């Protein structure tokens, strides 16, 4: 195993790309919901 050399660009990264895409989608959705809650509270919490 130690005699194998790493070659840049040969690793399959489809799973990492899907995971990162899901993470970014969830983060964006949480951010939108948080902003909506803040706006709702600013309008109706008097």
PDB file of N, CA and C in Angstrom:
ATOM      1  N   UNK A   1       0.806  -1.184   0.000  1.00  0.00           N
ATOM      2  CA  UNK A   1       0.000   0.000   0.000  1.00  0.00           C
ATOM      3  C   UNK A   1       0.859   1.261   0.000  1.00  0.00           C
ATOM      4  N   UNK A   2       1.997   1.213   0.637  1.00  0.00           N
ATOM      5  CA  UNK A   2       2.860   2.382   0.702  1.00  0.00           C
ATOM      6  C   UNK A   2       3.529   2.666  -0.636  1.00  0.00           C
ATOM      7  N   UNK A   3       3.578   1.687  -1.521  1.00  0.00           N
ATOM      8  CA  UNK A   3       4.254   1.916  -2.798  1.00  0.00           C
ATOM      9  C   UNK A   3       3.351   2.593  -3.833  1.00  0.00           C
ATOM     10  N   UNK A   4       2.040   2.750  -3.544  1.00  0.00           N
ATOM     11  CA  UNK A   4       1.140   3.422  -4.473  1.00  0.00           C
ATOM     12  C   UNK A   4       1.298   4.928  -4.346  1.00  0.00           C
ATOM     13  N   UNK A   5       1.361   5.599  -5.468  1.00  0.00           N
ATOM     14  CA  UNK A   5       1.505   7.049  -5.489  1.00  0.00           C
ATOM     15  C   UNK A   5       0.161   7.690  -5.776  1.00  0.00           C
ATOM     16  N   UNK A   6      -0.097   8.781  -5.114  1.00  0.00           N
ATOM     17  CA  UNK A   6      -1.331   9.543  -5.346  1.00  0.00           C
ATOM     18  C   UNK A   6      -1.175  10.367  -6.607  1.00  0.00           C
ATOM     19  N   UNK A   7      -2.187  10.295  -7.468  1.00  0.00           N
ATOM     20  CA  UNK A   7      -2.194  11.109  -8.679  1.00  0.00           C
ATOM     21  C   UNK A   7      -3.369  12.063  -8.581  1.00  0.00           C
ATOM     22  N   UNK A   8      -3.098  13.336  -8.715  1.00  0.00           N
ATOM     23  CA  UNK A   8      -4.106  14.378  -8.572  1.00  0.00           C
ATOM     24  C   UNK A   8      -5.201  14.229  -9.633  1.00  0.00           C
ATOM     25  N   UNK A   9      -6.466  14.271  -9.180  1.00  0.00           N
ATOM     26  CA  UNK A   9      -7.588  14.239 -10.097  1.00  0.00           C
ATOM     27  C   UNK A   9      -8.137  12.866 -10.432  1.00  0.00           C
ATOM     28  N   UNK A  10      -7.649  11.816  -9.824  1.00  0.00           N
ATOM     29  CA  UNK A  10      -8.118  10.471 -10.153  1.00  0.00           C
ATOM     30  C   UNK A  10      -9.179   9.942  -9.194  1.00  0.00           C
ATOM     31  N   UNK A  11      -9.372  10.588  -8.049  1.00  0.00           N
ATOM     32  CA  UNK A  11     -10.316  10.082  -7.064  1.00  0.00           C
ATOM     33  C   UNK A  11     -11.758  10.407  -7.471  1.00  0.00           C
ATOM     34  N   UNK A  12     -12.667   9.475  -7.244  1.00  0.00           N
ATOM     35  CA  UNK A  12     -14.084   9.692  -7.519  1.00  0.00           C
ATOM     36  C   UNK A  12     -14.677  10.521  -6.375  1.00  0.00           C
ATOM     37  N   UNK A  13     -15.163  11.719  -6.703  1.00  0.00           N
ATOM     38  CA  UNK A  13     -15.658  12.622  -5.663  1.00  0.00           C
ATOM     39  C   UNK A  13     -17.155  12.879  -5.791  1.00  0.00           C
ATOM     40  N   UNK A  14     -17.888  11.998  -6.452  1.00  0.00           N
ATOM     41  CA  UNK A  14     -19.318  12.235  -6.650  1.00  0.00           C
ATOM     42  C   UNK A  14     -20.071  12.250  -5.322  1.00  0.00           C
ATOM     43  N   UNK A  15     -19.704  11.376  -4.385  1.00  0.00           N
ATOM     44  CA  UNK A  15     -20.384  11.359  -3.084  1.00  0.00           C
ATOM     45  C   UNK A  15     -20.097  12.631  -2.299  1.00  0.00           C
ATOM     46  N   UNK A  16     -18.862  13.112  -2.340  1.00  0.00           N
ATOM     47  CA  UNK A  16     -18.533  14.354  -1.639  1.00  0.00           C
ATOM     48  C   UNK A  16     -19.276  15.538  -2.246  1.00  0.00           C
ATOM     49  N   UNK A  17     -19.407  15.550  -3.569  1.00  0.00           N
ATOM     50  CA  UNK A  17     -20.134  16.637  -4.229  1.00  0.00           C
ATOM     51  C   UNK A  17     -21.613  16.623  -3.845  1.00  0.00           C
ATOM     52  N   UNK A  18     -22.213  15.429  -3.774  1.00  0.00           N
ATOM     53  CA  UNK A  18     -23.617  15.325  -3.370  1.00  0.00           C
ATOM     54  C   UNK A  18     -23.799  15.760  -1.919  1.00  0.00           C
ATOM     55  N   UNK A  19     -22.877  15.362  -1.052  1.00  0.00           N
ATOM     56  CA  UNK A  19     -22.957  15.739   0.358  1.00  0.00           C
ATOM     57  C   UNK A  19     -22.823  17.253   0.510  1.00  0.00           C
ATOM     58  N   UNK A  20     -21.868  17.846  -0.174  1.00  0.00           N
ATOM     59  CA  UNK A  20     -21.672  19.291  -0.089  1.00  0.00           C
ATOM     60  C   UNK A  20     -22.879  20.047  -0.642  1.00  0.00           C
ATOM     61  N   UNK A  21     -23.445  19.547  -1.731  1.00  0.00           N
ATOM     62  CA  UNK A  21     -24.629  20.172  -2.312  1.00  0.00           C
ATOM     63  C   UNK A  21     -25.799  20.129  -1.335  1.00  0.00           C
ATOM     64  N   UNK A  22     -25.989  18.997  -0.688  1.00  0.00           N
ATOM     65  CA  UNK A  22     -27.046  18.877   0.313  1.00  0.00           C
ATOM     66  C   UNK A  22     -26.816  19.785   1.506  1.00  0.00           C
ATOM     67  N   UNK A  23     -25.571  19.883   1.945  1.00  0.00           N
ATOM     68  CA  UNK A  23     -25.225  20.770   3.055  1.00  0.00           C
ATOM     69  C   UNK A  23     -25.508  22.221   2.699  1.00  0.00           C
ATOM     70  N   UNK A  24     -25.125  22.645   1.507  1.00  0.00           N
ATOM     71  CA  UNK A  24     -25.363  24.034   1.091  1.00  0.00           C
ATOM     72  C   UNK A  24     -26.850  24.313   0.946  1.00  0.00           C
ATOM     73  N   UNK A  25     -27.609  23.369   0.414  1.00  0.00           N
ATOM     74  CA  UNK A  25     -29.058  23.539   0.270  1.00  0.00           C
ATOM     75  C   UNK A  25     -29.712  23.690   1.641  1.00  0.00           C
ATOM     76  N   UNK A  26     -29.334  22.826   2.588  1.00  0.00           N
ATOM     77  CA  UNK A  26     -29.900  22.891   3.935  1.00  0.00           C
ATOM     78  C   UNK A  26     -29.495  24.188   4.631  1.00  0.00           C
ATOM     79  N   UNK A  27     -28.257  24.602   4.489  1.00  0.00           N
ATOM     80  CA  UNK A  27     -27.804  25.850   5.103  1.00  0.00           C
ATOM     81  C   UNK A  27     -28.564  27.048   4.549  1.00  0.00           C
ATOM     82  N   UNK A  28     -28.784  27.063   3.251  1.00  0.00           N
ATOM     83  CA  UNK A  28     -29.539  28.146   2.624  1.00  0.00           C
ATOM     84  C   UNK A  28     -30.979  28.169   3.131  1.00  0.00           C
ATOM     85  N   UNK A  29     -31.598  27.009   3.210  1.00  0.00           N
ATOM     86  CA  UNK A  29     -32.976  26.934   3.705  1.00  0.00           C
ATOM     87  C   UNK A  29     -33.078  27.402   5.154  1.00  0.00           C
ATOM     88  N   UNK A  30     -32.139  27.013   5.991  1.00  0.00           N
ATOM     89  CA  UNK A  30     -32.150  27.445   7.384  1.00  0.00           C
ATOM     90  C   UNK A  30     -31.958  28.959   7.468  1.00  0.00           C
ATOM     91  N   UNK A  31     -31.086  29.505   6.650  1.00  0.00           N
ATOM     92  CA  UNK A  31     -30.875  30.944   6.632  1.00  0.00           C
ATOM     93  C   UNK A  31     -32.123  31.702   6.215  1.00  0.00           C
ATOM     94  N   UNK A  32     -32.807  31.203   5.208  1.00  0.00           N
ATOM     95  CA  UNK A  32     -34.044  31.841   4.745  1.00  0.00           C
ATOM     96  C   UNK A  32     -35.114  31.791   5.825  1.00  0.00           C
ATOM     97  N   UNK A  33     -35.255  30.653   6.479  1.00  0.00           N
ATOM     98  CA  UNK A  33     -36.241  30.524   7.555  1.00  0.00           C
ATOM     99  C   UNK A  33     -35.898  31.460   8.709  1.00  0.00           C
ATOM    100  N   UNK A  34     -34.632  31.564   9.074  1.00  0.00           N
ATOM    101  CA  UNK A  34     -34.220  32.441  10.168  1.00  0.00           C
ATOM    102  C   UNK A  34     -34.530  33.904   9.836  1.00  0.00           C
ATOM    103  N   UNK A  35     -34.254  34.311   8.607  1.00  0.00           N
ATOM    104  CA  UNK A  35     -34.550  35.682   8.195  1.00  0.00           C
ATOM    105  C   UNK A  35     -36.050  35.923   8.199  1.00  0.00           C
ATOM    106  N   UNK A  36     -36.834  34.949   7.744  1.00  0.00           N
ATOM    107  CA  UNK A  36     -38.293  35.085   7.749  1.00  0.00           C
ATOM    108  C   UNK A  36     -38.822  35.223   9.171  1.00  0.00           C
ATOM    109  N   UNK A  37     -38.266  34.464  10.102  1.00  0.00           N
ATOM    110  CA  UNK A  37     -38.687  34.564  11.506  1.00  0.00           C
ATOM    111  C   UNK A  37     -38.358  35.939  12.069  1.00  0.00           C
ATOM    112  N   UNK A  38     -37.187  36.449  11.783  1.00  0.00           N
ATOM    113  CA  UNK A  38     -36.799  37.768  12.261  1.00  0.00           C
ATOM    114  C   UNK A  38     -37.718  38.846  11.696  1.00  0.00           C
ATOM    115  N   UNK A  39     -38.032  38.752  10.420  1.00  0.00           N
ATOM    116  CA  UNK A  39     -38.965  39.723   9.797  1.00  0.00           C
ATOM    117  C   UNK A  39     -40.348  39.608  10.433  1.00  0.00           C
ATOM    118  N   UNK A  40     -40.816  38.393  10.613  1.00  0.00           N
ATOM    119  CA  UNK A  40     -42.122  38.172  11.250  1.00  0.00           C
ATOM    120  C   UNK A  40     -42.153  38.789  12.644  1.00  0.00           C
ATOM    121  N   UNK A  41     -41.111  38.565  13.425  1.00  0.00           N
ATOM    122  CA  UNK A  41     -41.064  39.121  14.772  1.00  0.00           C
ATOM    123  C   UNK A  41     -40.975  40.647  14.747  1.00  0.00           C
ATOM    124  N   UNK A  42     -40.246  41.190  13.788  1.00  0.00           N
ATOM    125  CA  UNK A  42     -40.125  42.648  13.689  1.00  0.00           C
ATOM    126  C   UNK A  42     -41.472  43.282  13.340  1.00  0.00           C
ATOM    127  N   UNK A  43     -42.272  42.594  12.571  1.00  0.00           N
ATOM    128  CA  UNK A  43     -43.577  43.168  12.161  1.00  0.00           C
ATOM    129  C   UNK A  43     -44.624  42.980  13.246  1.00  0.00           C
ATOM    130  N   UNK A  44     -44.713  41.809  13.834  1.00  0.00           N
ATOM    131  CA  UNK A  44     -45.847  41.459  14.693  1.00  0.00           C
ATOM    132  C   UNK A  44     -45.560  41.475  16.195  1.00  0.00           C
ATOM    133  N   UNK A  45     -44.340  41.616  16.623  1.00  0.00           N
ATOM    134  CA  UNK A  45     -44.036  41.573  18.062  1.00  0.00           C
ATOM    135  C   UNK A  45     -43.983  42.988  18.629  1.00  0.00           C
ATOM    136  N   UNK A  46     -45.157  43.502  18.972  1.00  0.00           N
ATOM    137  CA  UNK A  46     -45.219  44.849  19.556  1.00  0.00           C
ATOM    138  C   UNK A  46     -45.856  44.812  20.893  1.00  0.00           C
TER     139      UNK A  46
END
